[in-house]
Amino acid sequence: MIATAAFVLAFLTIGATVVFLAFGGGPKGARENLHRQGRGGSRFAITATLVVIVAFGAGIPVAVIASNQDNQSKQAPGGVALTSAQQDGRQVFAKNCSTCHTLKSANAVGRVGPNLDVIRPVAALTLNAIQQGRARGMGQMPAGLVDGQDAKDVANYVAATAGRD
């Protein structure tokens, strides 16, 4: 939405410039008309230019920041509401697991470990893999990569979000 508004405003600005040049007798005529302006006209032109610069330079970033609220940090894809422990699990997963595993809810696209969105493991299986490690095929997952409550949080997060679009 904001990108569209910025594009439209830029297009209108370019259009206004073309019209100004066309009605002013081309680039040379427009330049001559600018030099013949009185003091009030020059102030108006400078003020209008500054307003446009501020509108683009500050207005668009402010609009983006205002519309980019962090209201979905407690949700995973598919509208899955995450508990605070699962949110912690998401952060631990991103730090320790995302380089090897694919999991859409964590924006992880690892290629070594299995795609968790496809196998959709239950929490117990994930917790076992974290505790015992895995060494099959081309990759190897070390045992105890995370432990304690972090391991439980990751397992619950994966079980809640894997395969949910």
C-alpha atoms as a PDB file:
ATOM      1  CA  MET A   1       0.000   0.000   0.000  1.00  0.00           C
ATOM      2  CA  ILE A   2       2.716   2.465   0.966  1.00  0.00           C
ATOM      3  CA  ALA A   3       4.908   1.441  -1.956  1.00  0.00           C
ATOM      4  CA  THR A   4       1.972   2.091  -4.261  1.00  0.00           C
ATOM      5  CA  ALA A   5       1.405   5.526  -2.730  1.00  0.00           C
ATOM      6  CA  ALA A   6       5.095   6.378  -3.103  1.00  0.00           C
ATOM      7  CA  PHE A   7       5.027   5.254  -6.740  1.00  0.00           C
ATOM      8  CA  VAL A   8       1.916   7.330  -7.474  1.00  0.00           C
ATOM      9  CA  LEU A   9       3.407  10.406  -5.775  1.00  0.00           C
ATOM     10  CA  ALA A  10       6.658  10.034  -7.709  1.00  0.00           C
ATOM     11  CA  PHE A  11       4.703   9.603 -10.952  1.00  0.00           C
ATOM     12  CA  LEU A  12       2.636  12.723 -10.215  1.00  0.00           C
ATOM     13  CA  THR A  13       5.796  14.707  -9.443  1.00  0.00           C
ATOM     14  CA  ILE A  14       7.360  13.674 -12.726  1.00  0.00           C
ATOM     15  CA  GLY A  15       4.114  14.502 -14.528  1.00  0.00           C
ATOM     16  CA  ALA A  16       3.933  17.955 -12.937  1.00  0.00           C
ATOM     17  CA  THR A  17       7.529  18.626 -13.984  1.00  0.00           C
ATOM     18  CA  VAL A  18       6.779  17.644 -17.580  1.00  0.00           C
ATOM     19  CA  VAL A  19       3.701  19.892 -17.643  1.00  0.00           C
ATOM     20  CA  PHE A  20       5.690  22.779 -16.150  1.00  0.00           C
ATOM     21  CA  LEU A  21       8.373  22.401 -18.797  1.00  0.00           C
ATOM     22  CA  ALA A  22       5.829  22.031 -21.615  1.00  0.00           C
ATOM     23  CA  PHE A  23       3.845  25.142 -20.704  1.00  0.00           C
ATOM     24  CA  GLY A  24       6.980  27.103 -19.930  1.00  0.00           C
ATOM     25  CA  GLY A  25       8.372  26.855 -23.447  1.00  0.00           C
ATOM     26  CA  GLY A  26      10.641  23.869 -22.861  1.00  0.00           C
ATOM     27  CA  PRO A  27      13.658  23.748 -20.539  1.00  0.00           C
ATOM     28  CA  LYS A  28      15.028  27.097 -21.728  1.00  0.00           C
ATOM     29  CA  GLY A  29      11.682  28.889 -21.370  1.00  0.00           C
ATOM     30  CA  ALA A  30      11.088  27.377 -17.923  1.00  0.00           C
ATOM     31  CA  ARG A  31      14.519  28.554 -16.783  1.00  0.00           C
ATOM     32  CA  GLU A  32      13.837  32.074 -18.042  1.00  0.00           C
ATOM     33  CA  ASN A  33      10.439  32.149 -16.308  1.00  0.00           C
ATOM     34  CA  LEU A  34      12.024  31.104 -13.016  1.00  0.00           C
ATOM     35  CA  HIS A  35      14.510  33.977 -13.210  1.00  0.00           C
ATOM     36  CA  ARG A  36      11.725  36.487 -13.897  1.00  0.00           C
ATOM     37  CA  GLN A  37       9.809  35.583 -10.745  1.00  0.00           C
ATOM     38  CA  GLY A  38       9.316  38.140  -8.065  1.00  0.00           C
ATOM     39  CA  ARG A  39      10.486  37.713  -4.491  1.00  0.00           C
ATOM     40  CA  GLY A  40       7.150  36.158  -3.377  1.00  0.00           C
ATOM     41  CA  GLY A  41       7.146  33.644  -6.226  1.00  0.00           C
ATOM     42  CA  SER A  42      10.685  32.525  -5.407  1.00  0.00           C
ATOM     43  CA  ARG A  43       9.788  32.040  -1.741  1.00  0.00           C
ATOM     44  CA  PHE A  44       6.736  30.046  -2.721  1.00  0.00           C
ATOM     45  CA  ALA A  45       8.782  27.813  -5.052  1.00  0.00           C
ATOM     46  CA  ILE A  46      11.410  27.186  -2.364  1.00  0.00           C
ATOM     47  CA  THR A  47       8.745  26.502   0.277  1.00  0.00           C
ATOM     48  CA  ALA A  48       6.863  24.127  -2.030  1.00  0.00           C
ATOM     49  CA  THR A  49      10.089  22.280  -2.847  1.00  0.00           C
ATOM     50  CA  LEU A  50      10.958  21.904   0.832  1.00  0.00           C
ATOM     51  CA  VAL A  51       7.457  20.633   1.620  1.00  0.00           C
ATOM     52  CA  VAL A  52       7.735  17.981  -1.100  1.00  0.00           C
ATOM     53  CA  ILE A  53      11.188  16.919   0.131  1.00  0.00           C
ATOM     54  CA  VAL A  54       9.977  16.633   3.714  1.00  0.00           C
ATOM     55  CA  ALA A  55       6.834  14.771   2.621  1.00  0.00           C
ATOM     56  CA  PHE A  56       8.870  12.186   0.737  1.00  0.00           C
ATOM     57  CA  GLY A  57      11.885  12.101   3.044  1.00  0.00           C
ATOM     58  CA  ALA A  58      10.056  11.936   6.357  1.00  0.00           C
ATOM     59  CA  GLY A  59       6.436  11.200   5.536  1.00  0.00           C
ATOM     60  CA  ILE A  60       6.934   7.868   3.805  1.00  0.00           C
ATOM     61  CA  PRO A  61       9.248   6.399   6.487  1.00  0.00           C
ATOM     62  CA  VAL A  62       6.859   7.573   9.219  1.00  0.00           C
ATOM     63  CA  ALA A  63       3.936   5.926   7.405  1.00  0.00           C
ATOM     64  CA  VAL A  64       5.897   2.682   7.020  1.00  0.00           C
ATOM     65  CA  ILE A  65       6.858   2.631  10.694  1.00  0.00           C
ATOM     66  CA  ALA A  66       3.295   3.394  11.772  1.00  0.00           C
ATOM     67  CA  SER A  67       1.850   0.585   9.664  1.00  0.00           C
ATOM     68  CA  ASN A  68       4.570  -1.922  10.547  1.00  0.00           C
ATOM     69  CA  GLN A  69       3.399  -2.826  14.020  1.00  0.00           C
ATOM     70  CA  ASP A  70       4.899  -5.810  15.781  1.00  0.00           C
ATOM     71  CA  ASN A  71       1.470  -7.299  16.424  1.00  0.00           C
ATOM     72  CA  GLN A  72       2.205 -10.690  14.898  1.00  0.00           C
ATOM     73  CA  SER A  73       5.284 -11.668  16.898  1.00  0.00           C
ATOM     74  CA  LYS A  74       3.158 -13.996  19.020  1.00  0.00           C
ATOM     75  CA  GLN A  75       1.771 -15.768  15.964  1.00  0.00           C
ATOM     76  CA  ALA A  76       3.263 -18.309  13.660  1.00  0.00           C
ATOM     77  CA  PRO A  77       2.030 -19.007  10.120  1.00  0.00           C
ATOM     78  CA  GLY A  78      -1.470 -20.384   9.910  1.00  0.00           C
ATOM     79  CA  GLY A  79      -2.620 -18.258  12.848  1.00  0.00           C
ATOM     80  CA  VAL A  80      -1.013 -20.515  15.453  1.00  0.00           C
ATOM     81  CA  ALA A  81      -0.873 -18.539  18.703  1.00  0.00           C
ATOM     82  CA  LEU A  82       2.426 -19.126  20.471  1.00  0.00           C
ATOM     83  CA  THR A  83       2.897 -19.291  24.198  1.00  0.00           C
ATOM     84  CA  SER A  84       5.786 -17.361  25.713  1.00  0.00           C
ATOM     85  CA  ALA A  85       7.750 -20.622  26.010  1.00  0.00           C
ATOM     86  CA  GLN A  86       7.152 -21.363  22.317  1.00  0.00           C
ATOM     87  CA  GLN A  87       8.277 -17.830  21.440  1.00  0.00           C
ATOM     88  CA  ASP A  88      11.481 -18.545  23.352  1.00  0.00           C
ATOM     89  CA  GLY A  89      11.714 -21.827  21.447  1.00  0.00           C
ATOM     90  CA  ARG A  90      11.431 -19.909  18.174  1.00  0.00           C
ATOM     91  CA  GLN A  91      14.427 -17.751  19.126  1.00  0.00           C
ATOM     92  CA  VAL A  92      16.507 -20.738  20.242  1.00  0.00           C
ATOM     93  CA  PHE A  93      15.568 -22.603  17.041  1.00  0.00           C
ATOM     94  CA  ALA A  94      16.581 -19.609  14.919  1.00  0.00           C
ATOM     95  CA  LYS A  95      19.941 -19.424  16.676  1.00  0.00           C
ATOM     96  CA  ASN A  96      20.835 -23.130  16.806  1.00  0.00           C
ATOM     97  CA  CYS A  97      18.760 -25.096  14.317  1.00  0.00           C
ATOM     98  CA  SER A  98      17.867 -22.910  11.344  1.00  0.00           C
ATOM     99  CA  THR A  99      21.169 -23.386   9.527  1.00  0.00           C
ATOM    100  CA  CYS A 100      20.411 -27.090   9.019  1.00  0.00           C
ATOM    101  CA  HIS A 101      16.618 -27.472   9.150  1.00  0.00           C
ATOM    102  CA  THR A 102      13.817 -26.006   7.070  1.00  0.00           C
ATOM    103  CA  LEU A 103      10.888 -24.619   9.070  1.00  0.00           C
ATOM    104  CA  LYS A 104       8.679 -22.001   7.473  1.00  0.00           C
ATOM    105  CA  SER A 105       7.478 -20.482  10.747  1.00  0.00           C
ATOM    106  CA  ALA A 106      11.086 -19.612  11.624  1.00  0.00           C
ATOM    107  CA  ASN A 107      12.008 -18.545   8.065  1.00  0.00           C
ATOM    108  CA  ALA A 108      14.601 -21.323   8.145  1.00  0.00           C
ATOM    109  CA  VAL A 109      15.721 -22.883   4.869  1.00  0.00           C
ATOM    110  CA  GLY A 110      18.468 -25.267   5.906  1.00  0.00           C
ATOM    111  CA  ARG A 111      19.438 -28.053   3.508  1.00  0.00           C
ATOM    112  CA  VAL A 112      21.367 -30.493   5.698  1.00  0.00           C
ATOM    113  CA  GLY A 113      18.777 -31.712   8.191  1.00  0.00           C
ATOM    114  CA  PRO A 114      15.264 -32.891   7.429  1.00  0.00           C
ATOM    115  CA  ASN A 115      12.544 -30.443   6.413  1.00  0.00           C
ATOM    116  CA  LEU A 116      10.487 -30.177   9.602  1.00  0.00           C
ATOM    117  CA  ASP A 117       7.465 -28.851   7.715  1.00  0.00           C
ATOM    118  CA  VAL A 118       7.329 -32.125   5.793  1.00  0.00           C
ATOM    119  CA  ILE A 119       7.908 -34.609   8.617  1.00  0.00           C
ATOM    120  CA  ARG A 120       5.923 -32.610  11.233  1.00  0.00           C
ATOM    121  CA  PRO A 121       7.505 -34.257  14.280  1.00  0.00           C
ATOM    122  CA  VAL A 122       5.716 -34.431  17.609  1.00  0.00           C
ATOM    123  CA  ALA A 123       7.380 -32.724  20.561  1.00  0.00           C
ATOM    124  CA  ALA A 124       8.678 -35.996  22.033  1.00  0.00           C
ATOM    125  CA  LEU A 125      10.488 -36.957  18.805  1.00  0.00           C
ATOM    126  CA  THR A 126      12.063 -33.511  18.479  1.00  0.00           C
ATOM    127  CA  LEU A 127      13.125 -33.531  22.122  1.00  0.00           C
ATOM    128  CA  ASN A 128      14.668 -36.999  21.653  1.00  0.00           C
ATOM    129  CA  ALA A 129      16.554 -35.818  18.552  1.00  0.00           C
ATOM    130  CA  ILE A 130      17.866 -32.806  20.461  1.00  0.00           C
ATOM    131  CA  GLN A 131      18.978 -34.930  23.435  1.00  0.00           C
ATOM    132  CA  GLN A 132      20.364 -37.969  21.554  1.00  0.00           C
ATOM    133  CA  GLY A 133      21.479 -36.362  18.307  1.00  0.00           C
ATOM    134  CA  ARG A 134      21.061 -37.881  14.865  1.00  0.00           C
ATOM    135  CA  ALA A 135      23.581 -39.205  12.364  1.00  0.00           C
ATOM    136  CA  ARG A 136      21.916 -40.478   9.211  1.00  0.00           C
ATOM    137  CA  GLY A 137      22.467 -39.749   5.558  1.00  0.00           C
ATOM    138  CA  MET A 138      24.575 -36.744   4.697  1.00  0.00           C
ATOM    139  CA  GLY A 139      24.317 -34.691   7.873  1.00  0.00           C
ATOM    140  CA  GLN A 140      24.945 -35.088  11.546  1.00  0.00           C
ATOM    141  CA  MET A 141      23.095 -33.457  14.407  1.00  0.00           C
ATOM    142  CA  PRO A 142      25.156 -33.356  17.592  1.00  0.00           C
ATOM    143  CA  ALA A 143      23.570 -34.505  20.830  1.00  0.00           C
ATOM    144  CA  GLY A 144      22.750 -31.855  23.406  1.00  0.00           C
ATOM    145  CA  LEU A 145      22.916 -28.915  21.033  1.00  0.00           C
ATOM    146  CA  VAL A 146      20.502 -27.235  23.440  1.00  0.00           C
ATOM    147  CA  ASP A 147      19.382 -28.583  26.785  1.00  0.00           C
ATOM    148  CA  GLY A 148      16.983 -28.148  29.658  1.00  0.00           C
ATOM    149  CA  GLN A 149      14.045 -25.803  29.228  1.00  0.00           C
ATOM    150  CA  ASP A 150      15.437 -24.493  25.926  1.00  0.00           C
ATOM    151  CA  ALA A 151      15.230 -27.988  24.414  1.00  0.00           C
ATOM    152  CA  LYS A 152      11.630 -28.389  25.615  1.00  0.00           C
ATOM    153  CA  ASP A 153      10.711 -24.963  24.260  1.00  0.00           C
ATOM    154  CA  VAL A 154      12.195 -25.779  20.842  1.00  0.00           C
ATOM    155  CA  ALA A 155      10.417 -29.147  20.747  1.00  0.00           C
ATOM    156  CA  ASN A 156       7.068 -27.564  21.625  1.00  0.00           C
ATOM    157  CA  TYR A 157       7.589 -24.760  19.116  1.00  0.00           C
ATOM    158  CA  VAL A 158       8.411 -27.177  16.301  1.00  0.00           C
ATOM    159  CA  ALA A 159       5.454 -29.414  17.171  1.00  0.00           C
ATOM    160  CA  ALA A 160       3.080 -26.431  17.215  1.00  0.00           C
ATOM    161  CA  THR A 161       4.219 -24.856  13.952  1.00  0.00           C
ATOM    162  CA  ALA A 162       5.742 -27.472  11.635  1.00  0.00           C
ATOM    163  CA  GLY A 163       3.730 -27.915   8.467  1.00  0.00           C
ATOM    164  CA  ARG A 164       1.223 -25.187   9.314  1.00  0.00           C
ATOM    165  CA  ASP A 165       0.945 -22.647   6.518  1.00  0.00           C
END
